[in-house]
C-alpha cells in the first residue's frame, strides 16, 4: 500500500476533494486512513438513507473513514460541535473545510474494485478483487 497525503484548505468540499484526488492520481481503490480538521458547513446523510442533516457551524472532524472505488466515495464522518456534542453519518457533497483538513489516503495497489448492485441490501456495494488472482 502506498499513501497520498494532502492538506485541504478553507472552502474545499471534503467529499469532492477526495474523489478528485483519486481521479487525478489514477487511483482505482483507496481507503481513508486519517482526516483531521474542521468544517463550517455540513451535509451528511443519516441512517436509513432517507434524510440529510445540513448545518452551518464550526465542527471538528473526530472520525473519517471509508473507501473510494473508481473515484466514487463511500465515507462516514463523525463531528463534534463547540459543546462536544456529536453528529455523524454518510459524508455528502457540501461539507466545507473551515481552516484545514489534513487528509491521508491509503492506495490499495494490489486491489481492483467496483460497485455492484446487491439485491439483499438494495445498494451498489463494493467488491474487492486482489489483482492477479
N, C-alpha and C. Protein backbone atom coordinates (compact mmCIF):
# COMPACT_ATOMS: atom_id res chain seq x y z
N UNK A 1 0.85 -1.18 0.00
CA UNK A 1 0.00 0.00 0.00
C UNK A 1 0.89 1.24 0.00
N UNK A 2 0.51 2.20 -0.80
CA UNK A 2 1.18 3.49 -0.76
C UNK A 2 0.21 4.51 -0.19
N UNK A 3 0.71 5.67 0.17
CA UNK A 3 -0.11 6.69 0.80
C UNK A 3 -0.13 7.94 -0.06
N UNK A 4 -1.20 8.69 0.11
CA UNK A 4 -1.32 10.01 -0.50
C UNK A 4 -1.76 10.94 0.61
N UNK A 5 -0.95 11.94 0.91
CA UNK A 5 -1.25 12.88 1.99
C UNK A 5 -1.37 14.28 1.41
N UNK A 6 -2.45 14.98 1.79
CA UNK A 6 -2.68 16.34 1.31
C UNK A 6 -3.31 17.16 2.42
N UNK A 7 -3.21 18.45 2.28
CA UNK A 7 -3.91 19.36 3.18
C UNK A 7 -4.96 20.10 2.36
N UNK A 8 -6.20 19.93 2.76
CA UNK A 8 -7.29 20.68 2.13
C UNK A 8 -7.41 22.03 2.83
N UNK A 9 -7.88 23.02 2.09
CA UNK A 9 -7.94 24.38 2.61
C UNK A 9 -9.37 24.87 2.73
N UNK A 10 -9.51 26.00 3.40
CA UNK A 10 -10.83 26.60 3.65
C UNK A 10 -11.64 26.69 2.37
N UNK A 11 -12.87 26.21 2.46
CA UNK A 11 -13.79 26.26 1.34
C UNK A 11 -13.82 25.00 0.49
N UNK A 12 -12.79 24.15 0.60
CA UNK A 12 -12.77 22.92 -0.18
C UNK A 12 -13.93 22.03 0.24
N UNK A 13 -14.55 21.38 -0.74
CA UNK A 13 -15.59 20.39 -0.46
C UNK A 13 -14.88 19.07 -0.14
N UNK A 14 -15.11 18.55 1.06
CA UNK A 14 -14.37 17.39 1.53
C UNK A 14 -14.56 16.17 0.64
N UNK A 15 -15.78 15.78 0.37
CA UNK A 15 -16.03 14.59 -0.44
C UNK A 15 -15.55 14.78 -1.88
N UNK A 16 -15.88 15.91 -2.48
CA UNK A 16 -15.45 16.16 -3.86
C UNK A 16 -13.94 16.16 -3.97
N UNK A 17 -13.26 16.70 -2.96
CA UNK A 17 -11.80 16.73 -2.98
C UNK A 17 -11.22 15.33 -2.93
N UNK A 18 -11.79 14.47 -2.10
CA UNK A 18 -11.30 13.10 -2.01
C UNK A 18 -11.50 12.38 -3.34
N UNK A 19 -12.68 12.51 -3.93
CA UNK A 19 -12.94 11.85 -5.21
C UNK A 19 -12.03 12.40 -6.30
N UNK A 20 -11.83 13.71 -6.33
CA UNK A 20 -10.97 14.33 -7.34
C UNK A 20 -9.51 13.89 -7.20
N UNK A 21 -9.04 13.82 -5.95
CA UNK A 21 -7.66 13.36 -5.72
C UNK A 21 -7.45 11.97 -6.29
N UNK A 22 -8.42 11.10 -6.09
CA UNK A 22 -8.28 9.74 -6.61
C UNK A 22 -8.30 9.72 -8.13
N UNK A 23 -9.19 10.49 -8.73
CA UNK A 23 -9.25 10.54 -10.19
C UNK A 23 -7.97 11.14 -10.77
N UNK A 24 -7.51 12.26 -10.20
CA UNK A 24 -6.32 12.95 -10.70
C UNK A 24 -5.06 12.10 -10.57
N UNK A 25 -5.01 11.23 -9.57
CA UNK A 25 -3.83 10.40 -9.33
C UNK A 25 -4.01 8.98 -9.84
N UNK A 26 -5.06 8.77 -10.66
CA UNK A 26 -5.35 7.47 -11.27
C UNK A 26 -5.39 6.35 -10.23
N UNK A 27 -6.09 6.62 -9.13
CA UNK A 27 -6.22 5.65 -8.04
C UNK A 27 -7.53 4.90 -8.21
N UNK A 28 -7.44 3.58 -8.36
CA UNK A 28 -8.62 2.74 -8.53
C UNK A 28 -9.32 2.49 -7.20
N UNK A 29 -8.54 2.09 -6.19
CA UNK A 29 -9.12 1.69 -4.91
C UNK A 29 -8.30 2.31 -3.77
N UNK A 30 -9.01 2.99 -2.85
CA UNK A 30 -8.33 3.64 -1.73
C UNK A 30 -9.19 3.55 -0.48
N UNK A 31 -8.53 3.74 0.66
CA UNK A 31 -9.21 3.84 1.94
C UNK A 31 -8.78 5.14 2.60
N UNK A 32 -9.67 5.70 3.40
CA UNK A 32 -9.32 6.90 4.16
C UNK A 32 -8.62 6.43 5.43
N UNK A 33 -7.35 6.80 5.58
CA UNK A 33 -6.59 6.43 6.77
C UNK A 33 -6.75 7.44 7.88
N UNK A 34 -6.84 8.73 7.51
CA UNK A 34 -6.96 9.76 8.52
C UNK A 34 -7.51 11.03 7.90
N UNK A 35 -8.32 11.73 8.67
CA UNK A 35 -8.81 13.03 8.27
C UNK A 35 -8.96 13.87 9.53
N UNK A 36 -8.12 14.88 9.67
CA UNK A 36 -8.11 15.72 10.87
C UNK A 36 -8.30 17.16 10.44
N UNK A 37 -9.29 17.81 11.02
CA UNK A 37 -9.53 19.20 10.67
C UNK A 37 -10.90 19.64 11.13
N UNK A 38 -11.45 20.62 10.42
CA UNK A 38 -12.74 21.16 10.84
C UNK A 38 -13.54 21.61 9.63
N UNK A 39 -14.85 21.69 9.85
CA UNK A 39 -15.79 22.10 8.82
C UNK A 39 -16.61 23.27 9.31
N UNK A 40 -17.09 24.11 8.39
CA UNK A 40 -18.01 25.18 8.76
C UNK A 40 -19.40 24.94 8.15
N UNK A 41 -19.47 24.01 7.22
CA UNK A 41 -20.74 23.66 6.60
C UNK A 41 -20.79 22.15 6.50
N UNK A 42 -21.92 21.57 6.91
CA UNK A 42 -22.04 20.12 6.99
C UNK A 42 -23.27 19.66 6.22
N UNK A 43 -23.09 18.61 5.45
CA UNK A 43 -24.21 17.91 4.82
C UNK A 43 -23.90 16.43 4.91
N UNK A 44 -24.67 15.72 5.74
CA UNK A 44 -24.47 14.28 5.91
C UNK A 44 -25.81 13.57 5.75
N UNK A 45 -25.73 12.37 5.19
CA UNK A 45 -26.93 11.55 5.09
C UNK A 45 -27.03 10.70 6.34
N UNK A 46 -28.19 10.68 6.93
CA UNK A 46 -28.40 9.96 8.18
C UNK A 46 -28.75 8.49 7.93
N UNK A 47 -28.79 7.70 9.00
CA UNK A 47 -29.11 6.28 8.91
C UNK A 47 -30.44 6.07 8.19
N UNK A 48 -30.57 4.96 7.56
CA UNK A 48 -31.73 4.55 6.74
C UNK A 48 -31.73 5.24 5.38
N UNK A 49 -30.76 6.10 5.12
CA UNK A 49 -30.59 6.75 3.81
C UNK A 49 -31.83 7.50 3.35
N UNK A 50 -32.58 8.05 4.31
CA UNK A 50 -33.81 8.75 3.95
C UNK A 50 -33.73 10.26 4.16
N UNK A 51 -32.85 10.71 5.04
CA UNK A 51 -32.82 12.14 5.37
C UNK A 51 -31.38 12.65 5.41
N UNK A 52 -31.25 13.94 5.13
CA UNK A 52 -29.97 14.62 5.21
C UNK A 52 -30.01 15.62 6.37
N UNK A 53 -28.87 15.79 6.99
CA UNK A 53 -28.71 16.81 8.02
C UNK A 53 -27.79 17.87 7.43
N UNK A 54 -28.25 19.11 7.39
CA UNK A 54 -27.45 20.22 6.89
C UNK A 54 -27.34 21.27 7.98
N UNK A 55 -26.10 21.68 8.27
CA UNK A 55 -25.87 22.70 9.31
C UNK A 55 -24.72 23.59 8.90
N UNK A 56 -24.76 24.82 9.38
CA UNK A 56 -23.64 25.73 9.22
C UNK A 56 -23.21 26.17 10.61
N UNK A 57 -22.06 25.69 11.03
CA UNK A 57 -21.49 25.99 12.34
C UNK A 57 -20.08 25.42 12.33
N UNK A 58 -19.34 25.63 13.38
CA UNK A 58 -17.99 25.08 13.47
C UNK A 58 -18.03 23.68 14.05
N UNK A 59 -17.43 22.73 13.31
CA UNK A 59 -17.37 21.33 13.73
C UNK A 59 -15.96 20.80 13.57
N UNK A 60 -15.53 20.02 14.55
CA UNK A 60 -14.25 19.31 14.47
C UNK A 60 -14.51 17.92 13.90
N UNK A 61 -13.66 17.48 12.99
CA UNK A 61 -13.74 16.11 12.48
C UNK A 61 -13.11 15.21 13.53
N UNK A 62 -13.89 14.31 14.11
CA UNK A 62 -13.34 13.38 15.10
C UNK A 62 -13.14 11.99 14.53
N UNK A 63 -13.75 11.71 13.39
CA UNK A 63 -13.54 10.44 12.71
C UNK A 63 -13.92 10.60 11.25
N UNK A 64 -13.12 10.01 10.39
CA UNK A 64 -13.38 10.00 8.95
C UNK A 64 -12.87 8.67 8.43
N UNK A 65 -13.76 7.86 7.89
CA UNK A 65 -13.36 6.53 7.45
C UNK A 65 -14.19 6.10 6.25
N UNK A 66 -13.59 5.35 5.35
CA UNK A 66 -14.36 4.88 4.20
C UNK A 66 -13.48 4.39 3.07
N UNK A 67 -14.13 4.18 1.94
CA UNK A 67 -13.46 3.66 0.75
C UNK A 67 -13.77 4.53 -0.45
N UNK A 68 -12.89 4.43 -1.44
CA UNK A 68 -13.11 5.08 -2.73
C UNK A 68 -12.85 4.02 -3.80
N UNK A 69 -13.81 3.84 -4.68
CA UNK A 69 -13.69 2.87 -5.77
C UNK A 69 -13.96 3.58 -7.08
N UNK A 70 -12.97 3.58 -7.94
CA UNK A 70 -13.09 4.23 -9.25
C UNK A 70 -13.63 5.66 -9.13
N UNK A 71 -13.12 6.38 -8.14
CA UNK A 71 -13.46 7.79 -7.97
C UNK A 71 -14.76 8.06 -7.24
N UNK A 72 -15.46 7.03 -6.80
CA UNK A 72 -16.72 7.21 -6.06
C UNK A 72 -16.49 6.85 -4.60
N UNK A 73 -16.81 7.78 -3.72
CA UNK A 73 -16.53 7.61 -2.30
C UNK A 73 -17.72 7.06 -1.53
N UNK A 74 -17.42 6.24 -0.54
CA UNK A 74 -18.38 5.79 0.48
C UNK A 74 -17.69 6.04 1.81
N UNK A 75 -17.98 7.18 2.41
CA UNK A 75 -17.24 7.64 3.58
C UNK A 75 -18.21 8.05 4.67
N UNK A 76 -17.89 7.67 5.90
CA UNK A 76 -18.66 8.09 7.06
C UNK A 76 -17.84 9.09 7.86
N UNK A 77 -18.53 10.03 8.49
CA UNK A 77 -17.86 11.08 9.24
C UNK A 77 -18.56 11.28 10.59
N UNK A 78 -17.77 11.55 11.61
CA UNK A 78 -18.29 11.95 12.92
C UNK A 78 -17.70 13.31 13.24
N UNK A 79 -18.55 14.20 13.76
CA UNK A 79 -18.16 15.58 14.02
C UNK A 79 -18.60 15.98 15.42
N UNK A 80 -17.82 16.86 16.04
CA UNK A 80 -18.22 17.41 17.34
C UNK A 80 -18.37 18.92 17.22
N UNK A 81 -19.35 19.44 17.97
CA UNK A 81 -19.56 20.89 17.97
C UNK A 81 -18.83 21.52 19.15
N UNK A 82 -19.05 22.80 19.39
CA UNK A 82 -18.34 23.52 20.45
C UNK A 82 -18.70 23.05 21.85
N UNK A 83 -19.78 22.26 21.97
CA UNK A 83 -20.18 21.72 23.27
C UNK A 83 -19.74 20.27 23.44
N UNK A 84 -19.12 19.71 22.42
CA UNK A 84 -18.69 18.32 22.46
C UNK A 84 -19.77 17.35 22.03
N UNK A 85 -20.91 17.87 21.58
CA UNK A 85 -21.98 17.01 21.09
C UNK A 85 -21.58 16.46 19.72
N UNK A 86 -21.91 15.19 19.48
CA UNK A 86 -21.51 14.53 18.25
C UNK A 86 -22.67 14.36 17.28
N UNK A 87 -22.35 14.47 16.00
CA UNK A 87 -23.25 14.09 14.92
C UNK A 87 -22.43 13.26 13.94
N UNK A 88 -23.11 12.45 13.18
CA UNK A 88 -22.37 11.65 12.22
C UNK A 88 -23.29 11.05 11.19
N UNK A 89 -22.67 10.58 10.12
CA UNK A 89 -23.42 9.93 9.06
C UNK A 89 -22.56 9.77 7.82
N UNK A 90 -23.23 9.63 6.70
CA UNK A 90 -22.60 9.40 5.41
C UNK A 90 -22.16 10.75 4.82
N UNK A 91 -20.87 10.90 4.56
CA UNK A 91 -20.34 12.15 4.01
C UNK A 91 -20.94 12.43 2.64
N UNK A 92 -21.55 13.59 2.50
CA UNK A 92 -22.14 14.01 1.24
C UNK A 92 -21.38 15.21 0.70
N UNK A 93 -21.58 15.50 -0.57
CA UNK A 93 -21.01 16.72 -1.12
C UNK A 93 -21.68 17.89 -0.44
N UNK A 94 -20.91 18.91 -0.17
CA UNK A 94 -21.44 20.09 0.51
C UNK A 94 -20.81 20.33 1.87
N UNK A 95 -19.97 19.38 2.34
CA UNK A 95 -19.22 19.60 3.59
C UNK A 95 -18.01 20.44 3.25
N UNK A 96 -17.93 21.62 3.84
CA UNK A 96 -16.87 22.58 3.50
C UNK A 96 -15.84 22.70 4.62
N UNK A 97 -14.58 22.59 4.23
CA UNK A 97 -13.46 22.69 5.16
C UNK A 97 -13.41 24.11 5.71
N UNK A 98 -13.17 24.22 7.01
CA UNK A 98 -13.00 25.52 7.64
C UNK A 98 -11.53 25.92 7.53
N UNK A 99 -10.75 25.76 8.57
CA UNK A 99 -9.35 26.20 8.47
C UNK A 99 -8.48 25.20 7.73
N UNK A 100 -8.70 23.90 7.96
CA UNK A 100 -7.84 22.89 7.35
C UNK A 100 -8.48 21.51 7.45
N UNK A 101 -7.98 20.60 6.63
CA UNK A 101 -8.23 19.18 6.79
C UNK A 101 -6.99 18.46 6.30
N UNK A 102 -6.33 17.80 7.23
CA UNK A 102 -5.14 17.00 6.90
C UNK A 102 -5.64 15.61 6.57
N UNK A 103 -5.50 15.23 5.32
CA UNK A 103 -6.09 14.01 4.79
C UNK A 103 -5.02 13.03 4.35
N UNK A 104 -5.16 11.77 4.77
CA UNK A 104 -4.25 10.72 4.33
C UNK A 104 -5.07 9.57 3.78
N UNK A 105 -4.80 9.23 2.52
CA UNK A 105 -5.45 8.10 1.87
C UNK A 105 -4.46 6.97 1.71
N UNK A 106 -4.93 5.75 1.88
CA UNK A 106 -4.13 4.57 1.60
C UNK A 106 -4.55 4.02 0.25
N UNK A 107 -3.60 3.88 -0.66
CA UNK A 107 -3.89 3.40 -2.00
C UNK A 107 -3.67 1.89 -2.02
N UNK A 108 -4.72 1.15 -2.32
CA UNK A 108 -4.65 -0.32 -2.35
C UNK A 108 -4.21 -0.75 -3.74
N UNK A 109 -2.91 -0.77 -3.94
CA UNK A 109 -2.35 -1.02 -5.27
C UNK A 109 -2.58 -2.44 -5.77
N UNK A 110 -2.73 -3.38 -4.87
CA UNK A 110 -2.89 -4.78 -5.28
C UNK A 110 -4.35 -5.17 -5.46
N UNK A 111 -5.25 -4.20 -5.32
CA UNK A 111 -6.67 -4.49 -5.43
C UNK A 111 -7.34 -3.65 -6.50
N UNK A 112 -8.27 -4.27 -7.17
CA UNK A 112 -9.19 -3.55 -8.04
C UNK A 112 -10.55 -3.61 -7.34
N UNK A 113 -11.40 -2.68 -7.66
CA UNK A 113 -12.71 -2.70 -7.04
C UNK A 113 -13.75 -2.16 -8.01
N UNK A 114 -14.97 -2.51 -7.73
CA UNK A 114 -16.10 -1.98 -8.47
C UNK A 114 -17.31 -2.04 -7.57
N UNK A 115 -18.32 -1.29 -7.93
CA UNK A 115 -19.57 -1.32 -7.17
C UNK A 115 -20.59 -2.09 -7.99
N UNK A 116 -21.20 -3.06 -7.33
CA UNK A 116 -22.15 -3.96 -7.98
C UNK A 116 -23.43 -3.96 -7.17
N UNK A 117 -24.56 -3.90 -7.87
CA UNK A 117 -25.85 -3.90 -7.19
C UNK A 117 -26.02 -5.20 -6.40
N UNK A 118 -26.42 -5.05 -5.14
CA UNK A 118 -26.65 -6.19 -4.24
C UNK A 118 -28.15 -6.24 -3.95
N UNK A 119 -28.81 -7.29 -4.42
CA UNK A 119 -30.26 -7.41 -4.22
C UNK A 119 -30.64 -7.44 -2.75
N UNK A 120 -29.77 -8.00 -1.92
CA UNK A 120 -30.07 -8.11 -0.49
C UNK A 120 -30.10 -6.75 0.20
N UNK A 121 -29.16 -5.87 -0.15
CA UNK A 121 -29.12 -4.55 0.50
C UNK A 121 -29.88 -3.48 -0.27
N UNK A 122 -30.01 -3.67 -1.57
CA UNK A 122 -30.66 -2.66 -2.40
C UNK A 122 -29.74 -1.54 -2.83
N UNK A 123 -28.43 -1.71 -2.62
CA UNK A 123 -27.44 -0.69 -2.95
C UNK A 123 -26.34 -1.28 -3.83
N UNK A 124 -25.61 -0.38 -4.50
CA UNK A 124 -24.39 -0.80 -5.17
C UNK A 124 -23.33 -0.94 -4.10
N UNK A 125 -22.84 -2.16 -3.91
CA UNK A 125 -21.85 -2.45 -2.86
C UNK A 125 -20.49 -2.71 -3.49
N UNK A 126 -19.45 -2.37 -2.74
CA UNK A 126 -18.09 -2.56 -3.26
C UNK A 126 -17.71 -4.03 -3.29
N UNK A 127 -17.01 -4.40 -4.35
CA UNK A 127 -16.45 -5.74 -4.48
C UNK A 127 -14.97 -5.56 -4.72
N UNK A 128 -14.16 -6.12 -3.82
CA UNK A 128 -12.71 -6.04 -3.94
C UNK A 128 -12.20 -7.30 -4.63
N UNK A 129 -11.21 -7.13 -5.49
CA UNK A 129 -10.56 -8.28 -6.12
C UNK A 129 -9.07 -8.05 -6.10
N UNK A 130 -8.36 -8.99 -5.48
CA UNK A 130 -6.91 -8.90 -5.48
C UNK A 130 -6.41 -9.18 -6.88
N UNK A 131 -5.67 -8.27 -7.44
CA UNK A 131 -5.21 -8.40 -8.82
C UNK A 131 -4.25 -9.58 -8.96
N UNK A 132 -4.37 -10.25 -10.10
CA UNK A 132 -3.52 -11.41 -10.35
C UNK A 132 -4.10 -12.69 -9.76
N UNK A 133 -5.30 -12.62 -9.21
CA UNK A 133 -5.92 -13.82 -8.63
C UNK A 133 -7.30 -14.03 -9.17
